[in-house]
Amino acid sequence: MVNKSARELIGNEKLMIIAKELVEMVKKSTTIDWMIRQSAKDKVKLAVKRVLRIHKYPPDDEPRATETVLEQAELHAAELNL
């Protein structure tokens, strides 16, 4: 879910670009055990934050956006392991 202030500040097109980059980054950064090892999870979290900062995502919304991306990545990974 996109925060209204983020949508207003950076626009839908920019959010689509960010989303695409985040998907690619998560695909490249995750390993088989990334949800188990805290160090691997931290590495993915740092990469998500980096993408958001590069695109000047609103800093006050960044923590929630980061957690949302990680939650979605974990759900996706769990679906693939079924």
C-alpha atoms as a PDB file:
ATOM      1  CA  MET A   1       0.000   0.000   0.000  1.00  0.00           C
ATOM      2  CA  VAL A   2       1.369   3.393  -0.986  1.00  0.00           C
ATOM      3  CA  ASN A   3       1.281   6.227   1.508  1.00  0.00           C
ATOM      4  CA  LYS A   4      -0.675   9.182   0.159  1.00  0.00           C
ATOM      5  CA  SER A   5       2.140  11.601   0.964  1.00  0.00           C
ATOM      6  CA  ALA A   6       4.660   9.474  -0.941  1.00  0.00           C
ATOM      7  CA  ARG A   7       2.349   9.336  -3.952  1.00  0.00           C
ATOM      8  CA  GLU A   8       1.839  13.100  -3.827  1.00  0.00           C
ATOM      9  CA  LEU A   9       5.537  13.883  -3.364  1.00  0.00           C
ATOM     10  CA  ILE A  10       7.063  11.640  -5.991  1.00  0.00           C
ATOM     11  CA  GLY A  11       4.161  10.618  -8.245  1.00  0.00           C
ATOM     12  CA  ASN A  12       2.836   7.326  -9.569  1.00  0.00           C
ATOM     13  CA  GLU A  13       5.369   6.984 -12.395  1.00  0.00           C
ATOM     14  CA  LYS A  14       8.310   7.330 -10.016  1.00  0.00           C
ATOM     15  CA  LEU A  15       6.700   4.836  -7.616  1.00  0.00           C
ATOM     16  CA  MET A  16       6.405   2.329 -10.493  1.00  0.00           C
ATOM     17  CA  ILE A  17      10.117   2.759 -11.247  1.00  0.00           C
ATOM     18  CA  ILE A  18      10.979   2.281  -7.569  1.00  0.00           C
ATOM     19  CA  ALA A  19       8.785  -0.833  -7.364  1.00  0.00           C
ATOM     20  CA  LYS A  20      10.448  -2.399 -10.414  1.00  0.00           C
ATOM     21  CA  GLU A  21      13.913  -1.686  -9.046  1.00  0.00           C
ATOM     22  CA  LEU A  22      12.958  -3.125  -5.661  1.00  0.00           C
ATOM     23  CA  VAL A  23      11.681  -6.343  -7.237  1.00  0.00           C
ATOM     24  CA  GLU A  24      14.900  -6.780  -9.214  1.00  0.00           C
ATOM     25  CA  MET A  25      17.061  -5.932  -6.220  1.00  0.00           C
ATOM     26  CA  VAL A  26      15.241  -8.363  -3.940  1.00  0.00           C
ATOM     27  CA  LYS A  27      15.545 -11.124  -6.544  1.00  0.00           C
ATOM     28  CA  LYS A  28      19.298 -10.536  -6.791  1.00  0.00           C
ATOM     29  CA  SER A  29      19.881 -10.097  -3.043  1.00  0.00           C
ATOM     30  CA  THR A  30      17.969 -13.027  -1.639  1.00  0.00           C
ATOM     31  CA  THR A  31      19.476 -16.443  -1.085  1.00  0.00           C
ATOM     32  CA  ILE A  32      17.845 -19.715  -0.094  1.00  0.00           C
ATOM     33  CA  ASP A  33      18.310 -19.034   3.610  1.00  0.00           C
ATOM     34  CA  TRP A  34      17.851 -15.266   3.632  1.00  0.00           C
ATOM     35  CA  MET A  35      14.760 -15.448   5.857  1.00  0.00           C
ATOM     36  CA  ILE A  36      16.578 -17.596   8.431  1.00  0.00           C
ATOM     37  CA  ARG A  37      19.944 -15.824   8.723  1.00  0.00           C
ATOM     38  CA  GLN A  38      19.630 -12.375  10.279  1.00  0.00           C
ATOM     39  CA  SER A  39      22.759 -11.146   8.508  1.00  0.00           C
ATOM     40  CA  ALA A  40      21.264 -12.050   5.119  1.00  0.00           C
ATOM     41  CA  LYS A  41      17.980 -10.387   6.047  1.00  0.00           C
ATOM     42  CA  ASP A  42      19.848  -7.249   7.138  1.00  0.00           C
ATOM     43  CA  LYS A  43      21.681  -7.160   3.809  1.00  0.00           C
ATOM     44  CA  VAL A  44      18.383  -7.213   1.902  1.00  0.00           C
ATOM     45  CA  LYS A  45      16.932  -4.550   4.212  1.00  0.00           C
ATOM     46  CA  LEU A  46      19.939  -2.306   3.596  1.00  0.00           C
ATOM     47  CA  ALA A  47      19.594  -2.747  -0.166  1.00  0.00           C
ATOM     48  CA  VAL A  48      15.895  -1.791   0.015  1.00  0.00           C
ATOM     49  CA  LYS A  49      16.745   1.351   1.971  1.00  0.00           C
ATOM     50  CA  ARG A  50      19.435   2.231  -0.561  1.00  0.00           C
ATOM     51  CA  VAL A  51      16.970   2.044  -3.472  1.00  0.00           C
ATOM     52  CA  LEU A  52      14.458   4.198  -1.605  1.00  0.00           C
ATOM     53  CA  ARG A  53      17.078   6.815  -0.764  1.00  0.00           C
ATOM     54  CA  ILE A  54      18.426   6.931  -4.325  1.00  0.00           C
ATOM     55  CA  HIS A  55      14.927   7.840  -5.496  1.00  0.00           C
ATOM     56  CA  LYS A  56      14.425  10.358  -2.672  1.00  0.00           C
ATOM     57  CA  TYR A  57      11.553   8.419  -1.118  1.00  0.00           C
ATOM     58  CA  PRO A  58      10.119  10.499   1.764  1.00  0.00           C
ATOM     59  CA  PRO A  59      12.331   9.755   4.810  1.00  0.00           C
ATOM     60  CA  ASP A  60       9.410   9.720   7.240  1.00  0.00           C
ATOM     61  CA  ASP A  61       7.751   6.946   5.188  1.00  0.00           C
ATOM     62  CA  GLU A  62      10.933   4.952   4.545  1.00  0.00           C
ATOM     63  CA  PRO A  63      10.784   2.627   7.606  1.00  0.00           C
ATOM     64  CA  ARG A  64       7.234   1.521   6.839  1.00  0.00           C
ATOM     65  CA  ALA A  65       8.003   1.103   3.125  1.00  0.00           C
ATOM     66  CA  THR A  66      11.094  -0.957   3.950  1.00  0.00           C
ATOM     67  CA  GLU A  67       9.136  -3.271   6.244  1.00  0.00           C
ATOM     68  CA  THR A  68       6.370  -3.625   3.648  1.00  0.00           C
ATOM     69  CA  VAL A  69       8.869  -4.651   0.962  1.00  0.00           C
ATOM     70  CA  LEU A  70      10.490  -7.200   3.288  1.00  0.00           C
ATOM     71  CA  GLU A  71       7.110  -8.650   4.306  1.00  0.00           C
ATOM     72  CA  GLN A  72       6.076  -9.020   0.671  1.00  0.00           C
ATOM     73  CA  ALA A  73       9.407 -10.625  -0.209  1.00  0.00           C
ATOM     74  CA  GLU A  74       8.979 -13.128   2.634  1.00  0.00           C
ATOM     75  CA  LEU A  75       5.427 -13.970   1.522  1.00  0.00           C
ATOM     76  CA  HIS A  76       6.612 -14.465  -2.039  1.00  0.00           C
ATOM     77  CA  ALA A  77       9.494 -16.668  -0.900  1.00  0.00           C
ATOM     78  CA  ALA A  78       7.114 -18.747   1.238  1.00  0.00           C
ATOM     79  CA  GLU A  79       4.804 -19.270  -1.761  1.00  0.00           C
ATOM     80  CA  LEU A  80       7.725 -20.463  -3.893  1.00  0.00           C
ATOM     81  CA  ASN A  81       8.730 -23.024  -1.270  1.00  0.00           C
ATOM     82  CA  LEU A  82       5.294 -24.689  -1.186  1.00  0.00           C
END
